[in-house]
Amino acid sequence: MTALLIAETSVDVDAEGFLTNPDQWNEQIAEEIARESGVPALTDRHWLVIRYMRDRYLATGTAPSIRSLGKESGVPIKELYALFPKGPAKLAAKIGGIPKPRGCI
């Protein structure tokens, strides 16, 4: 575990840059992680997915798979890939300040 400064806030991250403590997350951190990950601006559709991922993780202790995310968030899988290139569930989890979903490479 390493401490990083993101959006002028010290946060704990794992080797892949995922926050290890979801309580350290805020929207400014999300926006900076998104920019660093190739998503220049977060739209309402991005926030819908990010908040869904966080809520699900905080309620159950696990993040949804891409299949569940596509069915339950109201955002179709094809759109998820447009919003979050290179792995929507993984990238949305990272931006949302939660651990990498199980099954993500």
PDB file of N, CA and C in Angstrom:
ATOM      1  N   MET A   1       0.855  -1.182   0.000  1.00  0.00           N
ATOM      2  CA  MET A   1       0.000   0.000   0.000  1.00  0.00           C
ATOM      3  C   MET A   1       0.897   1.239   0.000  1.00  0.00           C
ATOM      4  N   THR A   2       0.504   2.227  -0.773  1.00  0.00           N
ATOM      5  CA  THR A   2       1.273   3.451  -0.944  1.00  0.00           C
ATOM      6  C   THR A   2       0.347   4.648  -0.759  1.00  0.00           C
ATOM      7  N   ALA A   3       0.886   5.715  -0.218  1.00  0.00           N
ATOM      8  CA  ALA A   3       0.112   6.953  -0.126  1.00  0.00           C
ATOM      9  C   ALA A   3       0.417   7.793  -1.362  1.00  0.00           C
ATOM     10  N   LEU A   4      -0.622   8.331  -1.978  1.00  0.00           N
ATOM     11  CA  LEU A   4      -0.500   9.186  -3.163  1.00  0.00           C
ATOM     12  C   LEU A   4      -1.219  10.498  -2.897  1.00  0.00           C
ATOM     13  N   LEU A   5      -0.791  11.543  -3.573  1.00  0.00           N
ATOM     14  CA  LEU A   5      -1.499  12.813  -3.498  1.00  0.00           C
ATOM     15  C   LEU A   5      -2.326  12.958  -4.772  1.00  0.00           C
ATOM     16  N   ILE A   6      -3.642  12.906  -4.616  1.00  0.00           N
ATOM     17  CA  ILE A   6      -4.557  13.044  -5.748  1.00  0.00           C
ATOM     18  C   ILE A   6      -5.513  14.176  -5.407  1.00  0.00           C
ATOM     19  N   ALA A   7      -5.612  15.167  -6.299  1.00  0.00           N
ATOM     20  CA  ALA A   7      -6.480  16.329  -6.073  1.00  0.00           C
ATOM     21  C   ALA A   7      -6.192  16.967  -4.709  1.00  0.00           C
ATOM     22  N   GLU A   8      -4.895  17.096  -4.408  1.00  0.00           N
ATOM     23  CA  GLU A   8      -4.423  17.716  -3.172  1.00  0.00           C
ATOM     24  C   GLU A   8      -4.880  16.984  -1.916  1.00  0.00           C
ATOM     25  N   THR A   9      -5.177  15.688  -2.048  1.00  0.00           N
ATOM     26  CA  THR A   9      -5.603  14.864  -0.922  1.00  0.00           C
ATOM     27  C   THR A   9      -4.723  13.624  -0.869  1.00  0.00           C
ATOM     28  N   SER A  10      -4.235  13.283   0.317  1.00  0.00           N
ATOM     29  CA  SER A  10      -3.439  12.070   0.474  1.00  0.00           C
ATOM     30  C   SER A  10      -4.381  10.872   0.583  1.00  0.00           C
ATOM     31  N   VAL A  11      -4.181   9.889  -0.294  1.00  0.00           N
ATOM     32  CA  VAL A  11      -5.008   8.684  -0.294  1.00  0.00           C
ATOM     33  C   VAL A  11      -4.115   7.454  -0.336  1.00  0.00           C
ATOM     34  N   ASP A  12      -4.620   6.348   0.187  1.00  0.00           N
ATOM     35  CA  ASP A  12      -3.894   5.083   0.157  1.00  0.00           C
ATOM     36  C   ASP A  12      -4.333   4.298  -1.067  1.00  0.00           C
ATOM     37  N   VAL A  13      -3.353   3.811  -1.851  1.00  0.00           N
ATOM     38  CA  VAL A  13      -3.655   3.051  -3.058  1.00  0.00           C
ATOM     39  C   VAL A  13      -2.868   1.746  -3.076  1.00  0.00           C
ATOM     40  N   ASP A  14      -3.376   0.772  -3.867  1.00  0.00           N
ATOM     41  CA  ASP A  14      -2.656  -0.484  -4.049  1.00  0.00           C
ATOM     42  C   ASP A  14      -1.678  -0.334  -5.213  1.00  0.00           C
ATOM     43  N   ALA A  15      -1.029  -1.421  -5.592  1.00  0.00           N
ATOM     44  CA  ALA A  15      -0.004  -1.389  -6.636  1.00  0.00           C
ATOM     45  C   ALA A  15      -0.552  -0.924  -7.986  1.00  0.00           C
ATOM     46  N   GLU A  16      -1.867  -1.105  -8.229  1.00  0.00           N
ATOM     47  CA  GLU A  16      -2.471  -0.701  -9.498  1.00  0.00           C
ATOM     48  C   GLU A  16      -3.123   0.677  -9.446  1.00  0.00           C
ATOM     49  N   GLY A  17      -3.029   1.349  -8.305  1.00  0.00           N
ATOM     50  CA  GLY A  17      -3.584   2.697  -8.187  1.00  0.00           C
ATOM     51  C   GLY A  17      -5.025   2.764  -7.722  1.00  0.00           C
ATOM     52  N   PHE A  18      -5.593   1.635  -7.282  1.00  0.00           N
ATOM     53  CA  PHE A  18      -6.960   1.623  -6.746  1.00  0.00           C
ATOM     54  C   PHE A  18      -6.930   2.072  -5.289  1.00  0.00           C
ATOM     55  N   LEU A  19      -7.851   2.952  -4.892  1.00  0.00           N
ATOM     56  CA  LEU A  19      -7.924   3.358  -3.499  1.00  0.00           C
ATOM     57  C   LEU A  19      -8.201   2.132  -2.623  1.00  0.00           C
ATOM     58  N   THR A  20      -7.519   2.056  -1.497  1.00  0.00           N
ATOM     59  CA  THR A  20      -7.747   0.931  -0.587  1.00  0.00           C
ATOM     60  C   THR A  20      -8.732   1.286   0.519  1.00  0.00           C
ATOM     61  N   ASN A  21      -9.066   2.575   0.638  1.00  0.00           N
ATOM     62  CA  ASN A  21     -10.048   3.019   1.630  1.00  0.00           C
ATOM     63  C   ASN A  21     -11.084   3.894   0.922  1.00  0.00           C
ATOM     64  N   PRO A  22     -12.264   3.335   0.631  1.00  0.00           N
ATOM     65  CA  PRO A  22     -13.290   4.106  -0.091  1.00  0.00           C
ATOM     66  C   PRO A  22     -13.697   5.394   0.611  1.00  0.00           C
ATOM     67  N   ASP A  23     -13.479   5.491   1.932  1.00  0.00           N
ATOM     68  CA  ASP A  23     -13.847   6.704   2.667  1.00  0.00           C
ATOM     69  C   ASP A  23     -12.955   7.890   2.320  1.00  0.00           C
ATOM     70  N   GLN A  24     -11.798   7.643   1.689  1.00  0.00           N
ATOM     71  CA  GLN A  24     -10.898   8.730   1.316  1.00  0.00           C
ATOM     72  C   GLN A  24     -11.307   9.387  -0.008  1.00  0.00           C
ATOM     73  N   TRP A  25     -12.284   8.825  -0.694  1.00  0.00           N
ATOM     74  CA  TRP A  25     -12.697   9.269  -2.027  1.00  0.00           C
ATOM     75  C   TRP A  25     -13.562  10.518  -1.962  1.00  0.00           C
ATOM     76  N   ASN A  26     -13.459  11.360  -2.987  1.00  0.00           N
ATOM     77  CA  ASN A  26     -14.414  12.448  -3.203  1.00  0.00           C
ATOM     78  C   ASN A  26     -14.490  12.711  -4.713  1.00  0.00           C
ATOM     79  N   GLU A  27     -15.388  13.586  -5.125  1.00  0.00           N
ATOM     80  CA  GLU A  27     -15.597  13.798  -6.561  1.00  0.00           C
ATOM     81  C   GLU A  27     -14.396  14.449  -7.243  1.00  0.00           C
ATOM     82  N   GLN A  28     -13.641  15.274  -6.535  1.00  0.00           N
ATOM     83  CA  GLN A  28     -12.449  15.875  -7.131  1.00  0.00           C
ATOM     84  C   GLN A  28     -11.402  14.793  -7.414  1.00  0.00           C
ATOM     85  N   ILE A  29     -11.264  13.846  -6.502  1.00  0.00           N
ATOM     86  CA  ILE A  29     -10.347  12.723  -6.716  1.00  0.00           C
ATOM     87  C   ILE A  29     -10.807  11.921  -7.929  1.00  0.00           C
ATOM     88  N   ALA A  30     -12.114  11.686  -8.030  1.00  0.00           N
ATOM     89  CA  ALA A  30     -12.663  10.951  -9.176  1.00  0.00           C
ATOM     90  C   ALA A  30     -12.311  11.641 -10.483  1.00  0.00           C
ATOM     91  N   GLU A  31     -12.482  12.950 -10.520  1.00  0.00           N
ATOM     92  CA  GLU A  31     -12.212  13.693 -11.751  1.00  0.00           C
ATOM     93  C   GLU A  31     -10.740  13.623 -12.140  1.00  0.00           C
ATOM     94  N   GLU A  32      -9.834  13.675 -11.151  1.00  0.00           N
ATOM     95  CA  GLU A  32      -8.407  13.599 -11.463  1.00  0.00           C
ATOM     96  C   GLU A  32      -8.020  12.194 -11.930  1.00  0.00           C
ATOM     97  N   ILE A  33      -8.544  11.155 -11.257  1.00  0.00           N
ATOM     98  CA  ILE A  33      -8.260   9.779 -11.684  1.00  0.00           C
ATOM     99  C   ILE A  33      -8.775   9.567 -13.106  1.00  0.00           C
ATOM    100  N   ALA A  34      -9.966  10.098 -13.391  1.00  0.00           N
ATOM    101  CA  ALA A  34     -10.543   9.961 -14.739  1.00  0.00           C
ATOM    102  C   ALA A  34      -9.627  10.589 -15.780  1.00  0.00           C
ATOM    103  N   ARG A  35      -9.188  11.816 -15.533  1.00  0.00           N
ATOM    104  CA  ARG A  35      -8.297  12.494 -16.491  1.00  0.00           C
ATOM    105  C   ARG A  35      -7.019  11.689 -16.704  1.00  0.00           C
ATOM    106  N   GLU A  36      -6.427  11.217 -15.605  1.00  0.00           N
ATOM    107  CA  GLU A  36      -5.188  10.437 -15.711  1.00  0.00           C
ATOM    108  C   GLU A  36      -5.416   9.110 -16.441  1.00  0.00           C
ATOM    109  N   SER A  37      -6.655   8.638 -16.463  1.00  0.00           N
ATOM    110  CA  SER A  37      -6.993   7.357 -17.096  1.00  0.00           C
ATOM    111  C   SER A  37      -7.531   7.531 -18.513  1.00  0.00           C
ATOM    112  N   GLY A  38      -7.491   8.754 -19.037  1.00  0.00           N
ATOM    113  CA  GLY A  38      -7.907   8.979 -20.413  1.00  0.00           C
ATOM    114  C   GLY A  38      -9.366   9.357 -20.600  1.00  0.00           C
ATOM    115  N   VAL A  39     -10.057   9.700 -19.501  1.00  0.00           N
ATOM    116  CA  VAL A  39     -11.446  10.171 -19.590  1.00  0.00           C
ATOM    117  C   VAL A  39     -11.410  11.652 -19.216  1.00  0.00           C
ATOM    118  N   PRO A  40     -11.397  12.539 -20.230  1.00  0.00           N
ATOM    119  CA  PRO A  40     -11.151  13.956 -19.964  1.00  0.00           C
ATOM    120  C   PRO A  40     -12.220  14.662 -19.124  1.00  0.00           C
ATOM    121  N   ALA A  41     -13.473  14.261 -19.254  1.00  0.00           N
ATOM    122  CA  ALA A  41     -14.552  14.901 -18.490  1.00  0.00           C
ATOM    123  C   ALA A  41     -15.600  13.855 -18.133  1.00  0.00           C
ATOM    124  N   LEU A  42     -16.089  13.932 -16.904  1.00  0.00           N
ATOM    125  CA  LEU A  42     -17.124  12.992 -16.455  1.00  0.00           C
ATOM    126  C   LEU A  42     -18.507  13.601 -16.704  1.00  0.00           C
ATOM    127  N   THR A  43     -19.305  12.893 -17.507  1.00  0.00           N
ATOM    128  CA  THR A  43     -20.667  13.333 -17.826  1.00  0.00           C
ATOM    129  C   THR A  43     -21.648  12.738 -16.809  1.00  0.00           C
ATOM    130  N   ASP A  44     -22.917  13.113 -16.933  1.00  0.00           N
ATOM    131  CA  ASP A  44     -23.946  12.539 -16.063  1.00  0.00           C
ATOM    132  C   ASP A  44     -23.993  11.019 -16.201  1.00  0.00           C
ATOM    133  N   ARG A  45     -23.767  10.508 -17.416  1.00  0.00           N
ATOM    134  CA  ARG A  45     -23.780   9.048 -17.623  1.00  0.00           C
ATOM    135  C   ARG A  45     -22.604   8.384 -16.909  1.00  0.00           C
ATOM    136  N   HIS A  46     -21.430   9.031 -16.940  1.00  0.00           N
ATOM    137  CA  HIS A  46     -20.290   8.509 -16.181  1.00  0.00           C
ATOM    138  C   HIS A  46     -20.639   8.443 -14.692  1.00  0.00           C
ATOM    139  N   TRP A  47     -21.182   9.555 -14.174  1.00  0.00           N
ATOM    140  CA  TRP A  47     -21.510   9.612 -12.745  1.00  0.00           C
ATOM    141  C   TRP A  47     -22.560   8.567 -12.365  1.00  0.00           C
ATOM    142  N   LEU A  48     -23.522   8.319 -13.240  1.00  0.00           N
ATOM    143  CA  LEU A  48     -24.531   7.292 -12.978  1.00  0.00           C
ATOM    144  C   LEU A  48     -23.854   5.948 -12.724  1.00  0.00           C
ATOM    145  N   VAL A  49     -22.909   5.589 -13.579  1.00  0.00           N
ATOM    146  CA  VAL A  49     -22.197   4.308 -13.452  1.00  0.00           C
ATOM    147  C   VAL A  49     -21.297   4.315 -12.225  1.00  0.00           C
ATOM    148  N   ILE A  50     -20.549   5.397 -12.021  1.00  0.00           N
ATOM    149  CA  ILE A  50     -19.625   5.479 -10.879  1.00  0.00           C
ATOM    150  C   ILE A  50     -20.392   5.369  -9.565  1.00  0.00           C
ATOM    151  N   ARG A  51     -21.476   6.101  -9.453  1.00  0.00           N
ATOM    152  CA  ARG A  51     -22.263   6.049  -8.204  1.00  0.00           C
ATOM    153  C   ARG A  51     -22.903   4.679  -8.002  1.00  0.00           C
ATOM    154  N   TYR A  52     -23.361   4.070  -9.092  1.00  0.00           N
ATOM    155  CA  TYR A  52     -23.917   2.722  -8.978  1.00  0.00           C
ATOM    156  C   TYR A  52     -22.851   1.755  -8.453  1.00  0.00           C
ATOM    157  N   MET A  53     -21.648   1.821  -9.035  1.00  0.00           N
ATOM    158  CA  MET A  53     -20.546   0.949  -8.607  1.00  0.00           C
ATOM    159  C   MET A  53     -20.247   1.159  -7.122  1.00  0.00           C
ATOM    160  N   ARG A  54     -20.118   2.407  -6.700  1.00  0.00           N
ATOM    161  CA  ARG A  54     -19.812   2.710  -5.289  1.00  0.00           C
ATOM    162  C   ARG A  54     -20.911   2.216  -4.362  1.00  0.00           C
ATOM    163  N   ASP A  55     -22.154   2.542  -4.707  1.00  0.00           N
ATOM    164  CA  ASP A  55     -23.281   2.140  -3.850  1.00  0.00           C
ATOM    165  C   ASP A  55     -23.326   0.626  -3.700  1.00  0.00           C
ATOM    166  N   ARG A  56     -23.153  -0.070  -4.799  1.00  0.00           N
ATOM    167  CA  ARG A  56     -23.190  -1.535  -4.759  1.00  0.00           C
ATOM    168  C   ARG A  56     -22.035  -2.083  -3.902  1.00  0.00           C
ATOM    169  N   TYR A  57     -20.837  -1.536  -4.092  1.00  0.00           N
ATOM    170  CA  TYR A  57     -19.692  -1.983  -3.307  1.00  0.00           C
ATOM    171  C   TYR A  57     -19.903  -1.695  -1.817  1.00  0.00           C
ATOM    172  N   LEU A  58     -20.343  -0.476  -1.491  1.00  0.00           N
ATOM    173  CA  LEU A  58     -20.515  -0.106  -0.085  1.00  0.00           C
ATOM    174  C   LEU A  58     -21.634  -0.916   0.574  1.00  0.00           C
ATOM    175  N   ALA A  59     -22.632  -1.329  -0.190  1.00  0.00           N
ATOM    176  CA  ALA A  59     -23.742  -2.113   0.352  1.00  0.00           C
ATOM    177  C   ALA A  59     -23.396  -3.595   0.499  1.00  0.00           C
ATOM    178  N   THR A  60     -22.588  -4.129  -0.435  1.00  0.00           N
ATOM    179  CA  THR A  60     -22.377  -5.586  -0.452  1.00  0.00           C
ATOM    180  C   THR A  60     -20.931  -6.007  -0.203  1.00  0.00           C
ATOM    181  N   GLY A  61     -19.993  -5.078  -0.332  1.00  0.00           N
ATOM    182  CA  GLY A  61     -18.579  -5.424  -0.173  1.00  0.00           C
ATOM    183  C   GLY A  61     -17.938  -5.935  -1.446  1.00  0.00           C
ATOM    184  N   THR A  62     -18.710  -5.999  -2.539  1.00  0.00           N
ATOM    185  CA  THR A  62     -18.147  -6.406  -3.824  1.00  0.00           C
ATOM    186  C   THR A  62     -18.697  -5.485  -4.920  1.00  0.00           C
ATOM    187  N   ALA A  63     -17.865  -5.261  -5.923  1.00  0.00           N
ATOM    188  CA  ALA A  63     -18.293  -4.447  -7.059  1.00  0.00           C
ATOM    189  C   ALA A  63     -18.974  -5.355  -8.076  1.00  0.00           C
ATOM    190  N   PRO A  64     -19.919  -4.826  -8.841  1.00  0.00           N
ATOM    191  CA  PRO A  64     -20.598  -5.658  -9.837  1.00  0.00           C
ATOM    192  C   PRO A  64     -19.677  -6.006 -11.010  1.00  0.00           C
ATOM    193  N   SER A  65     -19.941  -7.132 -11.627  1.00  0.00           N
ATOM    194  CA  SER A  65     -19.228  -7.514 -12.847  1.00  0.00           C
ATOM    195  C   SER A  65     -19.736  -6.640 -13.987  1.00  0.00           C
ATOM    196  N   ILE A  66     -19.055  -6.690 -15.112  1.00  0.00           N
ATOM    197  CA  ILE A  66     -19.488  -5.906 -16.276  1.00  0.00           C
ATOM    198  C   ILE A  66     -20.892  -6.311 -16.708  1.00  0.00           C
ATOM    199  N   ARG A  67     -21.192  -7.596 -16.628  1.00  0.00           N
ATOM    200  CA  ARG A  67     -22.522  -8.075 -17.021  1.00  0.00           C
ATOM    201  C   ARG A  67     -23.600  -7.500 -16.100  1.00  0.00           C
ATOM    202  N   SER A  68     -23.361  -7.578 -14.786  1.00  0.00           N
ATOM    203  CA  SER A  68     -24.316  -7.012 -13.822  1.00  0.00           C
ATOM    204  C   SER A  68     -24.434  -5.510 -13.992  1.00  0.00           C
ATOM    205  N   LEU A  69     -23.314  -4.870 -14.206  1.00  0.00           N
ATOM    206  CA  LEU A  69     -23.302  -3.420 -14.375  1.00  0.00           C
ATOM    207  C   LEU A  69     -24.175  -3.015 -15.562  1.00  0.00           C
ATOM    208  N   GLY A  70     -24.043  -3.729 -16.675  1.00  0.00           N
ATOM    209  CA  GLY A  70     -24.836  -3.436 -17.858  1.00  0.00           C
ATOM    210  C   GLY A  70     -26.322  -3.653 -17.643  1.00  0.00           C
ATOM    211  N   LYS A  71     -26.665  -4.686 -16.873  1.00  0.00           N
ATOM    212  CA  LYS A  71     -28.085  -4.996 -16.637  1.00  0.00           C
ATOM    213  C   LYS A  71     -28.703  -4.081 -15.583  1.00  0.00           C
ATOM    214  N   GLU A  72     -27.959  -3.785 -14.519  1.00  0.00           N
ATOM    215  CA  GLU A  72     -28.551  -3.138 -13.347  1.00  0.00           C
ATOM    216  C   GLU A  72     -28.374  -1.625 -13.291  1.00  0.00           C
ATOM    217  N   SER A  73     -27.381  -1.078 -13.987  1.00  0.00           N
ATOM    218  CA  SER A  73     -27.125   0.365 -13.880  1.00  0.00           C
ATOM    219  C   SER A  73     -28.007   1.176 -14.813  1.00  0.00           C
ATOM    220  N   GLY A  74     -28.606   0.522 -15.807  1.00  0.00           N
ATOM    221  CA  GLY A  74     -29.395   1.245 -16.793  1.00  0.00           C
ATOM    222  C   GLY A  74     -28.561   1.753 -17.962  1.00  0.00           C
ATOM    223  N   VAL A  75     -27.256   1.415 -17.968  1.00  0.00           N
ATOM    224  CA  VAL A  75     -26.368   1.820 -19.058  1.00  0.00           C
ATOM    225  C   VAL A  75     -25.959   0.551 -19.807  1.00  0.00           C
ATOM    226  N   PRO A  76     -26.345   0.408 -21.073  1.00  0.00           N
ATOM    227  CA  PRO A  76     -26.022  -0.803 -21.825  1.00  0.00           C
ATOM    228  C   PRO A  76     -24.505  -1.022 -21.941  1.00  0.00           C
ATOM    229  N   ILE A  77     -24.103  -2.290 -22.057  1.00  0.00           N
ATOM    230  CA  ILE A  77     -22.684  -2.647 -22.096  1.00  0.00           C
ATOM    231  C   ILE A  77     -21.948  -1.904 -23.205  1.00  0.00           C
ATOM    232  N   LYS A  78     -22.546  -1.785 -24.374  1.00  0.00           N
ATOM    233  CA  LYS A  78     -21.883  -1.074 -25.481  1.00  0.00           C
ATOM    234  C   LYS A  78     -21.561   0.371 -25.083  1.00  0.00           C
ATOM    235  N   GLU A  79     -22.505   1.024 -24.412  1.00  0.00           N
ATOM    236  CA  GLU A  79     -22.274   2.405 -23.952  1.00  0.00           C
ATOM    237  C   GLU A  79     -21.224   2.447 -22.843  1.00  0.00           C
ATOM    238  N   LEU A  80     -21.221   1.425 -21.972  1.00  0.00           N
ATOM    239  CA  LEU A  80     -20.205   1.367 -20.908  1.00  0.00           C
ATOM    240  C   LEU A  80     -18.797   1.404 -21.502  1.00  0.00           C
ATOM    241  N   TYR A  81     -18.600   0.646 -22.594  1.00  0.00           N
ATOM    242  CA  TYR A  81     -17.281   0.625 -23.242  1.00  0.00           C
ATOM    243  C   TYR A  81     -16.957   1.968 -23.896  1.00  0.00           C
ATOM    244  N   ALA A  82     -17.969   2.694 -24.359  1.00  0.00           N
ATOM    245  CA  ALA A  82     -17.732   4.027 -24.927  1.00  0.00           C
ATOM    246  C   ALA A  82     -17.367   5.023 -23.817  1.00  0.00           C
ATOM    247  N   LEU A  83     -18.025   4.892 -22.673  1.00  0.00           N
ATOM    248  CA  LEU A  83     -17.771   5.800 -21.548  1.00  0.00           C
ATOM    249  C   LEU A  83     -16.429   5.514 -20.879  1.00  0.00           C
ATOM    250  N   PHE A  84     -16.131   4.220 -20.712  1.00  0.00           N
ATOM    251  CA  PHE A  84     -14.941   3.790 -19.984  1.00  0.00           C
ATOM    252  C   PHE A  84     -14.142   2.827 -20.851  1.00  0.00           C
ATOM    253  N   PRO A  85     -13.361   3.356 -21.786  1.00  0.00           N
ATOM    254  CA  PRO A  85     -12.579   2.475 -22.668  1.00  0.00           C
ATOM    255  C   PRO A  85     -11.606   1.610 -21.861  1.00  0.00           C
ATOM    256  N   LYS A  86     -11.230   0.487 -22.419  1.00  0.00           N
ATOM    257  CA  LYS A  86     -10.254  -0.422 -21.789  1.00  0.00           C
ATOM    258  C   LYS A  86     -10.772  -1.036 -20.501  1.00  0.00           C
ATOM    259  N   GLY A  87     -12.019  -1.429 -20.456  1.00  0.00           N
ATOM    260  CA  GLY A  87     -12.533  -2.138 -19.283  1.00  0.00           C
ATOM    261  C   GLY A  87     -13.401  -1.279 -18.394  1.00  0.00           C
ATOM    262  N   PRO A  88     -14.700  -1.209 -18.682  1.00  0.00           N
ATOM    263  CA  PRO A  88     -15.599  -0.324 -17.939  1.00  0.00           C
ATOM    264  C   PRO A  88     -15.688  -0.606 -16.447  1.00  0.00           C
ATOM    265  N   ALA A  89     -15.845  -1.868 -16.044  1.00  0.00           N
ATOM    266  CA  ALA A  89     -16.014  -2.156 -14.616  1.00  0.00           C
ATOM    267  C   ALA A  89     -14.745  -1.779 -13.847  1.00  0.00           C
ATOM    268  N   LYS A  90     -13.597  -2.117 -14.407  1.00  0.00           N
ATOM    269  CA  LYS A  90     -12.318  -1.820 -13.756  1.00  0.00           C
ATOM    270  C   LYS A  90     -12.099  -0.309 -13.658  1.00  0.00           C
ATOM    271  N   LEU A  91     -12.308   0.405 -14.758  1.00  0.00           N
ATOM    272  CA  LEU A  91     -12.069   1.845 -14.775  1.00  0.00           C
ATOM    273  C   LEU A  91     -13.085   2.598 -13.922  1.00  0.00           C
ATOM    274  N   ALA A  92     -14.347   2.199 -13.988  1.00  0.00           N
ATOM    275  CA  ALA A  92     -15.372   2.860 -13.165  1.00  0.00           C
ATOM    276  C   ALA A  92     -15.097   2.630 -11.683  1.00  0.00           C
ATOM    277  N   ALA A  93     -14.615   1.439 -11.323  1.00  0.00           N
ATOM    278  CA  ALA A  93     -14.265   1.164  -9.927  1.00  0.00           C
ATOM    279  C   ALA A  93     -13.099   2.049  -9.488  1.00  0.00           C
ATOM    280  N   LYS A  94     -12.090   2.158 -10.339  1.00  0.00           N
ATOM    281  CA  LYS A  94     -10.916   2.970 -10.002  1.00  0.00           C
ATOM    282  C   LYS A  94     -11.318   4.435  -9.807  1.00  0.00           C
ATOM    283  N   ILE A  95     -12.088   4.972 -10.748  1.00  0.00           N
ATOM    284  CA  ILE A  95     -12.546   6.359 -10.656  1.00  0.00           C
ATOM    285  C   ILE A  95     -13.447   6.535  -9.438  1.00  0.00           C
ATOM    286  N   GLY A  96     -14.235   5.500  -9.126  1.00  0.00           N
ATOM    287  CA  GLY A  96     -15.162   5.555  -7.996  1.00  0.00           C
ATOM    288  C   GLY A  96     -14.548   5.302  -6.642  1.00  0.00           C
ATOM    289  N   GLY A  97     -13.243   5.049  -6.613  1.00  0.00           N
ATOM    290  CA  GLY A  97     -12.558   4.902  -5.332  1.00  0.00           C
ATOM    291  C   GLY A  97     -12.820   3.606  -4.597  1.00  0.00           C
ATOM    292  N   ILE A  98     -13.133   2.552  -5.353  1.00  0.00           N
ATOM    293  CA  ILE A  98     -13.360   1.235  -4.733  1.00  0.00           C
ATOM    294  C   ILE A  98     -12.360   0.238  -5.312  1.00  0.00           C
ATOM    295  N   PRO A  99     -12.161  -0.909  -4.636  1.00  0.00           N
ATOM    296  CA  PRO A  99     -11.206  -1.893  -5.144  1.00  0.00           C
ATOM    297  C   PRO A  99     -11.605  -2.453  -6.509  1.00  0.00           C
ATOM    298  N   LYS A 100     -10.609  -2.971  -7.215  1.00  0.00           N
ATOM    299  CA  LYS A 100     -10.838  -3.589  -8.523  1.00  0.00           C
ATOM    300  C   LYS A 100     -11.824  -4.735  -8.372  1.00  0.00           C
ATOM    301  N   PRO A 101     -12.831  -4.803  -9.244  1.00  0.00           N
ATOM    302  CA  PRO A 101     -13.802  -5.911  -9.175  1.00  0.00           C
ATOM    303  C   PRO A 101     -13.122  -7.267  -9.372  1.00  0.00           C
ATOM    304  N   ARG A 102     -13.639  -8.276  -8.704  1.00  0.00           N
ATOM    305  CA  ARG A 102     -13.123  -9.640  -8.909  1.00  0.00           C
ATOM    306  C   ARG A 102     -13.337 -10.038 -10.347  1.00  0.00           C
ATOM    307  N   GLY A 103     -12.393 -10.744 -10.909  1.00  0.00           N
ATOM    308  CA  GLY A 103     -12.522 -11.201 -12.284  1.00  0.00           C
ATOM    309  C   GLY A 103     -11.954 -10.231 -13.302  1.00  0.00           C
ATOM    310  N   CYS A 104     -11.604  -9.012 -12.862  1.00  0.00           N
ATOM    311  CA  CYS A 104     -10.976  -8.064 -13.788  1.00  0.00           C
ATOM    312  C   CYS A 104      -9.487  -8.329 -13.830  1.00  0.00           C
ATOM    313  N   ILE A 105      -8.943  -8.259 -15.034  1.00  0.00           N
ATOM    314  CA  ILE A 105      -7.510  -8.523 -15.196  1.00  0.00           C
ATOM    315  C   ILE A 105      -6.722  -7.272 -14.840  1.00  0.00           C
TER     316      ILE A 105
END
